[in-house]
């Protein structure tokens, strides 16, 4: 494939950068191709489809970046165990009818003519792929970019057709129950989302309590009252107190409205406060 818009020299530089090599000879070695192959690609401004696929699968280099220089290089979810010549050989033996079938499946086509019409390729050319067990690397690259299917699956038939994209975020944000604290009672007011990295407590045990000037994230699974900040049930009325245990089975409870001592048996711990959020406006 020759394309006047293709700059093979720049493409080779991106492939070399992905492998961490600086010479054409070194690149040929890691690709497992004859030493003069790379220079021939550059001289003819030809499309090294198999090398692009091999590089993306082997190094994790983003396929779109290899082709265009943008966006920034990113990693695939997994790195295959095969590398170098073994990977190249596997790609080469995946040509012909099997790779054509995967290309058709990726596009959702049932007939070769549909693929030929889309890419402006003659039916005779496609038939030649089958007859010669040919691997059309340029078409495979175009298909992967066009459809978003897994390059590994498209090239070798292994793995999933669509691979999950790794996320930079935490696996899951936790949704916890949200309540307003009004006159000593909790009133359900929906749910509140919490970054899972902030607590190892099970979401079912966590609760978000919204007050007038403060809000709290608390663990309702805690029932052994200890020093710290707690949501306390006093005569079936809830409030948040800083708690200090005293000798003789007593507690000192304090907040901005009150401070007193009482017996442990006089109160019930409702939840241990994990975080306090203060409203400044």
C-alpha atoms as a PDB file:
ATOM      1  CA  UNK A   1       0.000   0.000   0.000  1.00  0.00           C
ATOM      2  CA  UNK A   2       1.336   3.419  -0.989  1.00  0.00           C
ATOM      3  CA  UNK A   3      -0.323   6.601   0.234  1.00  0.00           C
ATOM      4  CA  UNK A   4       0.845  10.079  -0.628  1.00  0.00           C
ATOM      5  CA  UNK A   5      -0.364  11.240   2.790  1.00  0.00           C
ATOM      6  CA  UNK A   6       1.670   8.563   4.565  1.00  0.00           C
ATOM      7  CA  UNK A   7       4.982   9.575   6.054  1.00  0.00           C
ATOM      8  CA  UNK A   8       6.669   6.248   6.594  1.00  0.00           C
ATOM      9  CA  UNK A   9       9.796   7.830   8.063  1.00  0.00           C
ATOM     10  CA  UNK A  10       7.815   9.404  10.909  1.00  0.00           C
ATOM     11  CA  UNK A  11       5.847   6.200  11.403  1.00  0.00           C
ATOM     12  CA  UNK A  12       9.092   4.205  11.671  1.00  0.00           C
ATOM     13  CA  UNK A  13      10.390   6.727  14.214  1.00  0.00           C
ATOM     14  CA  UNK A  14       7.307   6.178  16.391  1.00  0.00           C
ATOM     15  CA  UNK A  15       7.686   2.405  16.136  1.00  0.00           C
ATOM     16  CA  UNK A  16      11.380   2.718  17.039  1.00  0.00           C
ATOM     17  CA  UNK A  17      10.513   4.959  19.982  1.00  0.00           C
ATOM     18  CA  UNK A  18       8.014   2.384  21.254  1.00  0.00           C
ATOM     19  CA  UNK A  19      10.685  -0.327  21.182  1.00  0.00           C
ATOM     20  CA  UNK A  20      13.405   1.984  22.528  1.00  0.00           C
ATOM     21  CA  UNK A  21      15.736   1.451  19.568  1.00  0.00           C
ATOM     22  CA  UNK A  22      17.506   4.102  17.503  1.00  0.00           C
ATOM     23  CA  UNK A  23      18.621   2.432  14.262  1.00  0.00           C
ATOM     24  CA  UNK A  24      16.798   0.708  11.425  1.00  0.00           C
ATOM     25  CA  UNK A  25      18.958  -2.374  11.888  1.00  0.00           C
ATOM     26  CA  UNK A  26      18.014  -2.616  15.569  1.00  0.00           C
ATOM     27  CA  UNK A  27      14.343  -2.164  14.712  1.00  0.00           C
ATOM     28  CA  UNK A  28      14.530  -4.934  12.121  1.00  0.00           C
ATOM     29  CA  UNK A  29      16.037  -7.210  14.752  1.00  0.00           C
ATOM     30  CA  UNK A  30      13.278  -6.650  17.312  1.00  0.00           C
ATOM     31  CA  UNK A  31      10.629  -7.068  14.625  1.00  0.00           C
ATOM     32  CA  UNK A  32      12.251 -10.249  13.364  1.00  0.00           C
ATOM     33  CA  UNK A  33      12.366  -9.094   9.735  1.00  0.00           C
ATOM     34  CA  UNK A  34      15.276  -8.941   7.244  1.00  0.00           C
ATOM     35  CA  UNK A  35      17.750  -6.141   7.958  1.00  0.00           C
ATOM     36  CA  UNK A  36      16.924  -4.217   4.777  1.00  0.00           C
ATOM     37  CA  UNK A  37      13.140  -4.308   5.277  1.00  0.00           C
ATOM     38  CA  UNK A  38      12.917  -1.076   7.276  1.00  0.00           C
ATOM     39  CA  UNK A  39      14.960   0.941   4.763  1.00  0.00           C
ATOM     40  CA  UNK A  40      12.819  -0.467   1.931  1.00  0.00           C
ATOM     41  CA  UNK A  41       9.627   0.694   3.681  1.00  0.00           C
ATOM     42  CA  UNK A  42      11.064   4.199   3.996  1.00  0.00           C
ATOM     43  CA  UNK A  43      12.392   4.372   0.443  1.00  0.00           C
ATOM     44  CA  UNK A  44       9.093   3.229  -1.058  1.00  0.00           C
ATOM     45  CA  UNK A  45       6.933   5.097   1.462  1.00  0.00           C
ATOM     46  CA  UNK A  46       5.106   1.805   1.889  1.00  0.00           C
ATOM     47  CA  UNK A  47       2.727   0.857   4.677  1.00  0.00           C
ATOM     48  CA  UNK A  48       4.326  -1.674   7.101  1.00  0.00           C
ATOM     49  CA  UNK A  49       1.000  -2.960   8.400  1.00  0.00           C
ATOM     50  CA  UNK A  50       2.322  -6.100  10.062  1.00  0.00           C
ATOM     51  CA  UNK A  51       5.066  -4.154  11.846  1.00  0.00           C
ATOM     52  CA  UNK A  52       2.534  -1.622  13.153  1.00  0.00           C
ATOM     53  CA  UNK A  53       0.288  -4.373  14.489  1.00  0.00           C
ATOM     54  CA  UNK A  54       3.213  -6.233  16.029  1.00  0.00           C
ATOM     55  CA  UNK A  55       4.505  -3.063  17.692  1.00  0.00           C
ATOM     56  CA  UNK A  56       1.118  -2.173  19.174  1.00  0.00           C
ATOM     57  CA  UNK A  57       0.555  -5.686  20.501  1.00  0.00           C
ATOM     58  CA  UNK A  58       4.095  -6.131  21.767  1.00  0.00           C
ATOM     59  CA  UNK A  59       4.844  -2.743  23.342  1.00  0.00           C
ATOM     60  CA  UNK A  60       1.363  -1.530  24.232  1.00  0.00           C
ATOM     61  CA  UNK A  61       1.773   1.545  22.008  1.00  0.00           C
ATOM     62  CA  UNK A  62      -1.533   3.156  21.088  1.00  0.00           C
ATOM     63  CA  UNK A  63      -2.484   2.231  17.521  1.00  0.00           C
ATOM     64  CA  UNK A  64      -3.817   5.679  16.685  1.00  0.00           C
ATOM     65  CA  UNK A  65      -0.633   7.299  18.009  1.00  0.00           C
ATOM     66  CA  UNK A  66       1.523   4.988  15.902  1.00  0.00           C
ATOM     67  CA  UNK A  67      -0.452   5.920  12.797  1.00  0.00           C
ATOM     68  CA  UNK A  68      -0.907   9.658  13.308  1.00  0.00           C
ATOM     69  CA  UNK A  69       1.394  10.786  16.123  1.00  0.00           C
ATOM     70  CA  UNK A  70      -1.559  11.685  18.344  1.00  0.00           C
ATOM     71  CA  UNK A  71      -2.945  11.257  20.961  1.00  0.00           C
ATOM     72  CA  UNK A  72      -0.231  10.507  23.521  1.00  0.00           C
ATOM     73  CA  UNK A  73       1.044   6.970  23.766  1.00  0.00           C
ATOM     74  CA  UNK A  74      -1.141   4.775  25.977  1.00  0.00           C
ATOM     75  CA  UNK A  75      -1.054   1.185  27.158  1.00  0.00           C
ATOM     76  CA  UNK A  76      -3.191  -1.772  26.231  1.00  0.00           C
ATOM     77  CA  UNK A  77      -4.886  -3.612  29.063  1.00  0.00           C
ATOM     78  CA  UNK A  78      -2.648  -6.685  28.724  1.00  0.00           C
ATOM     79  CA  UNK A  79       0.677  -7.452  27.134  1.00  0.00           C
ATOM     80  CA  UNK A  80       0.764 -10.726  25.195  1.00  0.00           C
ATOM     81  CA  UNK A  81       3.248 -13.429  26.173  1.00  0.00           C
ATOM     82  CA  UNK A  82       4.526 -13.794  22.590  1.00  0.00           C
ATOM     83  CA  UNK A  83       7.121 -11.285  21.442  1.00  0.00           C
ATOM     84  CA  UNK A  84       9.475 -10.621  18.573  1.00  0.00           C
ATOM     85  CA  UNK A  85       9.755 -13.275  15.902  1.00  0.00           C
ATOM     86  CA  UNK A  86       7.227 -15.588  17.574  1.00  0.00           C
ATOM     87  CA  UNK A  87       4.581 -12.873  17.598  1.00  0.00           C
ATOM     88  CA  UNK A  88       5.394 -11.911  14.016  1.00  0.00           C
ATOM     89  CA  UNK A  89       5.106 -15.547  12.914  1.00  0.00           C
ATOM     90  CA  UNK A  90       1.745 -15.907  14.649  1.00  0.00           C
ATOM     91  CA  UNK A  91       0.431 -12.809  12.877  1.00  0.00           C
ATOM     92  CA  UNK A  92       1.737 -14.110   9.552  1.00  0.00           C
ATOM     93  CA  UNK A  93      -0.007 -17.466  10.021  1.00  0.00           C
ATOM     94  CA  UNK A  94      -3.326 -15.765  10.812  1.00  0.00           C
ATOM     95  CA  UNK A  95      -3.900 -14.577   7.256  1.00  0.00           C
ATOM     96  CA  UNK A  96      -6.313 -15.676   4.558  1.00  0.00           C
ATOM     97  CA  UNK A  97      -9.870 -16.657   5.319  1.00  0.00           C
ATOM     98  CA  UNK A  98      -9.717 -16.467   9.169  1.00  0.00           C
ATOM     99  CA  UNK A  99      -8.523 -12.843   9.277  1.00  0.00           C
ATOM    100  CA  UNK A 100     -10.994 -11.911   6.527  1.00  0.00           C
ATOM    101  CA  UNK A 101     -13.807 -13.432   8.575  1.00  0.00           C
ATOM    102  CA  UNK A 102     -12.794 -11.363  11.610  1.00  0.00           C
ATOM    103  CA  UNK A 103     -12.606  -8.180   9.521  1.00  0.00           C
ATOM    104  CA  UNK A 104     -16.109  -8.841   8.166  1.00  0.00           C
ATOM    105  CA  UNK A 105     -17.401  -9.543  11.689  1.00  0.00           C
ATOM    106  CA  UNK A 106     -15.821  -6.343  12.996  1.00  0.00           C
ATOM    107  CA  UNK A 107     -17.610  -4.281  10.345  1.00  0.00           C
ATOM    108  CA  UNK A 108     -20.802  -6.299  10.657  1.00  0.00           C
ATOM    109  CA  UNK A 109     -20.635  -7.433   7.035  1.00  0.00           C
ATOM    110  CA  UNK A 110     -21.780 -10.778   5.697  1.00  0.00           C
ATOM    111  CA  UNK A 111     -20.344 -10.451   2.186  1.00  0.00           C
ATOM    112  CA  UNK A 112     -16.860  -9.721   0.868  1.00  0.00           C
ATOM    113  CA  UNK A 113     -18.373  -7.254  -1.597  1.00  0.00           C
ATOM    114  CA  UNK A 114     -19.493  -5.018   1.264  1.00  0.00           C
ATOM    115  CA  UNK A 115     -15.901  -4.798   2.520  1.00  0.00           C
ATOM    116  CA  UNK A 116     -14.611  -4.147  -0.991  1.00  0.00           C
ATOM    117  CA  UNK A 117     -17.137  -1.357  -1.522  1.00  0.00           C
ATOM    118  CA  UNK A 118     -16.260   0.244   1.806  1.00  0.00           C
ATOM    119  CA  UNK A 119     -12.486   0.233   1.289  1.00  0.00           C
ATOM    120  CA  UNK A 120     -12.506   0.446  -2.497  1.00  0.00           C
ATOM    121  CA  UNK A 121     -10.763  -2.914  -2.854  1.00  0.00           C
ATOM    122  CA  UNK A 122     -11.530  -5.219  -5.767  1.00  0.00           C
ATOM    123  CA  UNK A 123     -13.131  -8.593  -5.164  1.00  0.00           C
ATOM    124  CA  UNK A 124     -10.156 -10.146  -6.942  1.00  0.00           C
ATOM    125  CA  UNK A 125      -7.767  -8.696  -4.352  1.00  0.00           C
ATOM    126  CA  UNK A 126      -9.828 -10.061  -1.479  1.00  0.00           C
ATOM    127  CA  UNK A 127     -10.019 -13.461  -3.154  1.00  0.00           C
ATOM    128  CA  UNK A 128      -6.221 -13.414  -3.442  1.00  0.00           C
ATOM    129  CA  UNK A 129      -5.949 -13.008   0.343  1.00  0.00           C
ATOM    130  CA  UNK A 130      -7.852 -16.262   0.768  1.00  0.00           C
ATOM    131  CA  UNK A 131      -6.046 -18.150  -1.968  1.00  0.00           C
ATOM    132  CA  UNK A 132      -2.573 -17.176  -0.738  1.00  0.00           C
ATOM    133  CA  UNK A 133      -3.322 -17.111   3.013  1.00  0.00           C
ATOM    134  CA  UNK A 134      -2.268 -13.473   2.846  1.00  0.00           C
ATOM    135  CA  UNK A 135      -2.377 -11.212   5.904  1.00  0.00           C
ATOM    136  CA  UNK A 136      -3.611  -7.731   4.808  1.00  0.00           C
ATOM    137  CA  UNK A 137      -1.884  -5.721   7.513  1.00  0.00           C
ATOM    138  CA  UNK A 138      -2.970  -2.324   6.171  1.00  0.00           C
ATOM    139  CA  UNK A 139      -6.633  -3.390   6.159  1.00  0.00           C
ATOM    140  CA  UNK A 140      -6.339  -4.858   9.656  1.00  0.00           C
ATOM    141  CA  UNK A 141      -4.955  -1.566  10.990  1.00  0.00           C
ATOM    142  CA  UNK A 142      -7.689   0.426   9.244  1.00  0.00           C
ATOM    143  CA  UNK A 143     -10.361  -1.924  10.579  1.00  0.00           C
ATOM    144  CA  UNK A 144      -9.104  -1.721  14.166  1.00  0.00           C
ATOM    145  CA  UNK A 145      -9.084   2.086  14.054  1.00  0.00           C
ATOM    146  CA  UNK A 146     -12.430   2.220  12.268  1.00  0.00           C
ATOM    147  CA  UNK A 147     -14.396  -0.200  14.453  1.00  0.00           C
ATOM    148  CA  UNK A 148     -12.623  -0.115  17.823  1.00  0.00           C
ATOM    149  CA  UNK A 149     -12.247  -3.897  17.989  1.00  0.00           C
ATOM    150  CA  UNK A 150      -9.259  -5.411  19.771  1.00  0.00           C
ATOM    151  CA  UNK A 151      -6.181  -5.359  17.566  1.00  0.00           C
ATOM    152  CA  UNK A 152      -5.005  -8.596  19.170  1.00  0.00           C
ATOM    153  CA  UNK A 153      -8.278 -10.366  18.401  1.00  0.00           C
ATOM    154  CA  UNK A 154      -8.383  -8.988  14.870  1.00  0.00           C
ATOM    155  CA  UNK A 155      -4.779 -10.038  14.164  1.00  0.00           C
ATOM    156  CA  UNK A 156      -4.627 -13.430  15.859  1.00  0.00           C
ATOM    157  CA  UNK A 157      -8.169 -14.437  16.816  1.00  0.00           C
ATOM    158  CA  UNK A 158      -7.147 -14.559  20.483  1.00  0.00           C
ATOM    159  CA  UNK A 159      -8.666 -12.628  23.364  1.00  0.00           C
ATOM    160  CA  UNK A 160     -11.934 -10.719  23.322  1.00  0.00           C
ATOM    161  CA  UNK A 161     -13.336  -8.899  20.314  1.00  0.00           C
ATOM    162  CA  UNK A 162     -13.725  -5.773  22.444  1.00  0.00           C
ATOM    163  CA  UNK A 163     -11.340  -5.247  25.325  1.00  0.00           C
ATOM    164  CA  UNK A 164     -12.267  -3.149  28.324  1.00  0.00           C
ATOM    165  CA  UNK A 165     -10.453   0.150  28.559  1.00  0.00           C
ATOM    166  CA  UNK A 166      -8.487   0.547  31.686  1.00  0.00           C
ATOM    167  CA  UNK A 167      -9.762   3.328  33.827  1.00  0.00           C
ATOM    168  CA  UNK A 168      -7.680   5.921  35.646  1.00  0.00           C
ATOM    169  CA  UNK A 169     -10.404   6.170  38.257  1.00  0.00           C
ATOM    170  CA  UNK A 170     -10.964   3.902  41.223  1.00  0.00           C
ATOM    171  CA  UNK A 171     -12.712   0.656  40.371  1.00  0.00           C
ATOM    172  CA  UNK A 172     -16.035   1.863  41.779  1.00  0.00           C
ATOM    173  CA  UNK A 173     -17.385   4.832  43.673  1.00  0.00           C
ATOM    174  CA  UNK A 174     -19.535   3.787  46.607  1.00  0.00           C
ATOM    175  CA  UNK A 175     -23.139   4.919  46.837  1.00  0.00           C
ATOM    176  CA  UNK A 176     -24.243   5.247  50.464  1.00  0.00           C
ATOM    177  CA  UNK A 177     -27.490   6.218  52.110  1.00  0.00           C
ATOM    178  CA  UNK A 178     -27.978   9.952  52.715  1.00  0.00           C
ATOM    179  CA  UNK A 179     -30.068  11.427  55.538  1.00  0.00           C
ATOM    180  CA  UNK A 180     -30.839  14.837  57.049  1.00  0.00           C
ATOM    181  CA  UNK A 181     -30.593  15.204  60.813  1.00  0.00           C
ATOM    182  CA  UNK A 182     -33.655  17.165  61.929  1.00  0.00           C
ATOM    183  CA  UNK A 183     -34.850  17.430  65.548  1.00  0.00           C
ATOM    184  CA  UNK A 184     -33.031  14.282  66.559  1.00  0.00           C
ATOM    185  CA  UNK A 185     -34.415  12.199  63.680  1.00  0.00           C
ATOM    186  CA  UNK A 186     -32.837  10.994  60.454  1.00  0.00           C
ATOM    187  CA  UNK A 187     -34.859  11.746  57.332  1.00  0.00           C
ATOM    188  CA  UNK A 188     -33.996   9.802  54.180  1.00  0.00           C
ATOM    189  CA  UNK A 189     -32.839  12.152  51.403  1.00  0.00           C
ATOM    190  CA  UNK A 190     -31.411   9.926  48.697  1.00  0.00           C
ATOM    191  CA  UNK A 191     -27.894   8.656  48.211  1.00  0.00           C
ATOM    192  CA  UNK A 192     -24.413  10.124  48.432  1.00  0.00           C
ATOM    193  CA  UNK A 193     -21.379   9.030  46.387  1.00  0.00           C
ATOM    194  CA  UNK A 194     -18.135   8.313  48.186  1.00  0.00           C
ATOM    195  CA  UNK A 195     -14.727   7.562  46.643  1.00  0.00           C
ATOM    196  CA  UNK A 196     -14.030   3.942  47.545  1.00  0.00           C
ATOM    197  CA  UNK A 197     -10.450   4.820  48.516  1.00  0.00           C
ATOM    198  CA  UNK A 198     -11.692   6.810  51.533  1.00  0.00           C
ATOM    199  CA  UNK A 199     -13.095   3.874  53.485  1.00  0.00           C
ATOM    200  CA  UNK A 200     -12.719   0.120  53.655  1.00  0.00           C
ATOM    201  CA  UNK A 201     -16.067  -0.214  55.440  1.00  0.00           C
ATOM    202  CA  UNK A 202     -18.828  -2.004  53.519  1.00  0.00           C
ATOM    203  CA  UNK A 203     -21.181   0.501  51.826  1.00  0.00           C
ATOM    204  CA  UNK A 204     -24.210  -1.035  53.578  1.00  0.00           C
ATOM    205  CA  UNK A 205     -22.766   0.038  56.924  1.00  0.00           C
ATOM    206  CA  UNK A 206     -21.969   3.604  55.888  1.00  0.00           C
ATOM    207  CA  UNK A 207     -24.317   6.551  56.130  1.00  0.00           C
ATOM    208  CA  UNK A 208     -24.062  10.231  55.143  1.00  0.00           C
ATOM    209  CA  UNK A 209     -25.714  12.547  57.667  1.00  0.00           C
ATOM    210  CA  UNK A 210     -26.370  16.161  56.730  1.00  0.00           C
ATOM    211  CA  UNK A 211     -26.634  18.710  59.533  1.00  0.00           C
ATOM    212  CA  UNK A 212     -26.997  22.490  59.559  1.00  0.00           C
ATOM    213  CA  UNK A 213     -23.319  23.501  59.568  1.00  0.00           C
ATOM    214  CA  UNK A 214     -21.656  20.093  59.459  1.00  0.00           C
ATOM    215  CA  UNK A 215     -22.159  16.760  57.749  1.00  0.00           C
ATOM    216  CA  UNK A 216     -20.785  13.396  58.736  1.00  0.00           C
ATOM    217  CA  UNK A 217     -19.907  10.048  57.196  1.00  0.00           C
ATOM    218  CA  UNK A 218     -20.470   7.392  59.828  1.00  0.00           C
ATOM    219  CA  UNK A 219     -20.229   3.636  60.281  1.00  0.00           C
ATOM    220  CA  UNK A 220     -23.487   2.198  61.627  1.00  0.00           C
ATOM    221  CA  UNK A 221     -21.830  -1.190  62.074  1.00  0.00           C
ATOM    222  CA  UNK A 222     -19.777   0.095  65.041  1.00  0.00           C
ATOM    223  CA  UNK A 223     -21.476  -0.596  68.373  1.00  0.00           C
ATOM    224  CA  UNK A 224     -18.680  -0.744  70.946  1.00  0.00           C
ATOM    225  CA  UNK A 225     -18.535   2.854  72.054  1.00  0.00           C
ATOM    226  CA  UNK A 226     -15.035   4.266  72.496  1.00  0.00           C
ATOM    227  CA  UNK A 227     -13.189   7.568  72.485  1.00  0.00           C
ATOM    228  CA  UNK A 228     -13.957   9.551  69.374  1.00  0.00           C
ATOM    229  CA  UNK A 229     -16.861  11.192  67.576  1.00  0.00           C
ATOM    230  CA  UNK A 230     -20.144   9.320  67.599  1.00  0.00           C
ATOM    231  CA  UNK A 231     -23.773   9.624  66.622  1.00  0.00           C
ATOM    232  CA  UNK A 232     -25.473   8.964  69.950  1.00  0.00           C
ATOM    233  CA  UNK A 233     -29.063   7.965  70.677  1.00  0.00           C
ATOM    234  CA  UNK A 234     -30.287   9.584  73.860  1.00  0.00           C
ATOM    235  CA  UNK A 235     -33.888   8.776  74.690  1.00  0.00           C
ATOM    236  CA  UNK A 236     -34.594   8.052  70.990  1.00  0.00           C
ATOM    237  CA  UNK A 237     -33.128  11.377  69.868  1.00  0.00           C
ATOM    238  CA  UNK A 238     -29.943  11.401  67.797  1.00  0.00           C
ATOM    239  CA  UNK A 239     -27.079  13.900  67.984  1.00  0.00           C
ATOM    240  CA  UNK A 240     -23.359  13.961  67.280  1.00  0.00           C
ATOM    241  CA  UNK A 241     -20.978  14.102  70.239  1.00  0.00           C
ATOM    242  CA  UNK A 242     -17.279  13.881  70.968  1.00  0.00           C
ATOM    243  CA  UNK A 243     -17.030  10.978  73.403  1.00  0.00           C
ATOM    244  CA  UNK A 244     -14.492  10.326  76.165  1.00  0.00           C
ATOM    245  CA  UNK A 245     -14.733   7.164  78.237  1.00  0.00           C
ATOM    246  CA  UNK A 246     -14.276   7.646  81.967  1.00  0.00           C
ATOM    247  CA  UNK A 247     -13.611   5.179  84.824  1.00  0.00           C
ATOM    248  CA  UNK A 248     -16.624   3.548  86.409  1.00  0.00           C
ATOM    249  CA  UNK A 249     -18.514   2.903  83.202  1.00  0.00           C
ATOM    250  CA  UNK A 250     -19.109   6.560  82.483  1.00  0.00           C
ATOM    251  CA  UNK A 251     -18.837   8.813  79.446  1.00  0.00           C
ATOM    252  CA  UNK A 252     -18.212  12.504  78.837  1.00  0.00           C
ATOM    253  CA  UNK A 253     -20.218  13.759  75.843  1.00  0.00           C
ATOM    254  CA  UNK A 254     -19.706  17.182  74.335  1.00  0.00           C
ATOM    255  CA  UNK A 255     -20.601  19.212  71.257  1.00  0.00           C
ATOM    256  CA  UNK A 256     -21.188  22.895  70.483  1.00  0.00           C
ATOM    257  CA  UNK A 257     -24.521  22.857  72.332  1.00  0.00           C
ATOM    258  CA  UNK A 258     -23.879  20.756  75.442  1.00  0.00           C
ATOM    259  CA  UNK A 259     -21.326  18.971  77.624  1.00  0.00           C
ATOM    260  CA  UNK A 260     -22.198  16.409  80.321  1.00  0.00           C
ATOM    261  CA  UNK A 261     -21.316  13.086  81.897  1.00  0.00           C
ATOM    262  CA  UNK A 262     -23.485  10.005  81.969  1.00  0.00           C
ATOM    263  CA  UNK A 263     -23.363   6.247  82.394  1.00  0.00           C
ATOM    264  CA  UNK A 264     -22.628   4.119  79.352  1.00  0.00           C
ATOM    265  CA  UNK A 265     -25.958   2.390  79.910  1.00  0.00           C
ATOM    266  CA  UNK A 266     -27.814   5.703  79.599  1.00  0.00           C
ATOM    267  CA  UNK A 267     -27.054   6.093  75.882  1.00  0.00           C
ATOM    268  CA  UNK A 268     -26.958   3.983  72.731  1.00  0.00           C
ATOM    269  CA  UNK A 269     -24.211   4.267  70.096  1.00  0.00           C
ATOM    270  CA  UNK A 270     -25.856   4.656  66.668  1.00  0.00           C
ATOM    271  CA  UNK A 271     -22.765   5.105  64.477  1.00  0.00           C
ATOM    272  CA  UNK A 272     -19.070   5.953  64.722  1.00  0.00           C
ATOM    273  CA  UNK A 273     -18.166   9.101  62.754  1.00  0.00           C
ATOM    274  CA  UNK A 274     -15.416   8.512  60.180  1.00  0.00           C
ATOM    275  CA  UNK A 275     -15.336  11.960  58.532  1.00  0.00           C
ATOM    276  CA  UNK A 276     -16.697  15.384  59.422  1.00  0.00           C
ATOM    277  CA  UNK A 277     -17.437  17.895  56.674  1.00  0.00           C
ATOM    278  CA  UNK A 278     -17.746  21.542  57.665  1.00  0.00           C
ATOM    279  CA  UNK A 279     -19.792  24.053  55.713  1.00  0.00           C
ATOM    280  CA  UNK A 280     -18.069  27.433  55.418  1.00  0.00           C
ATOM    281  CA  UNK A 281     -20.765  29.252  53.480  1.00  0.00           C
END
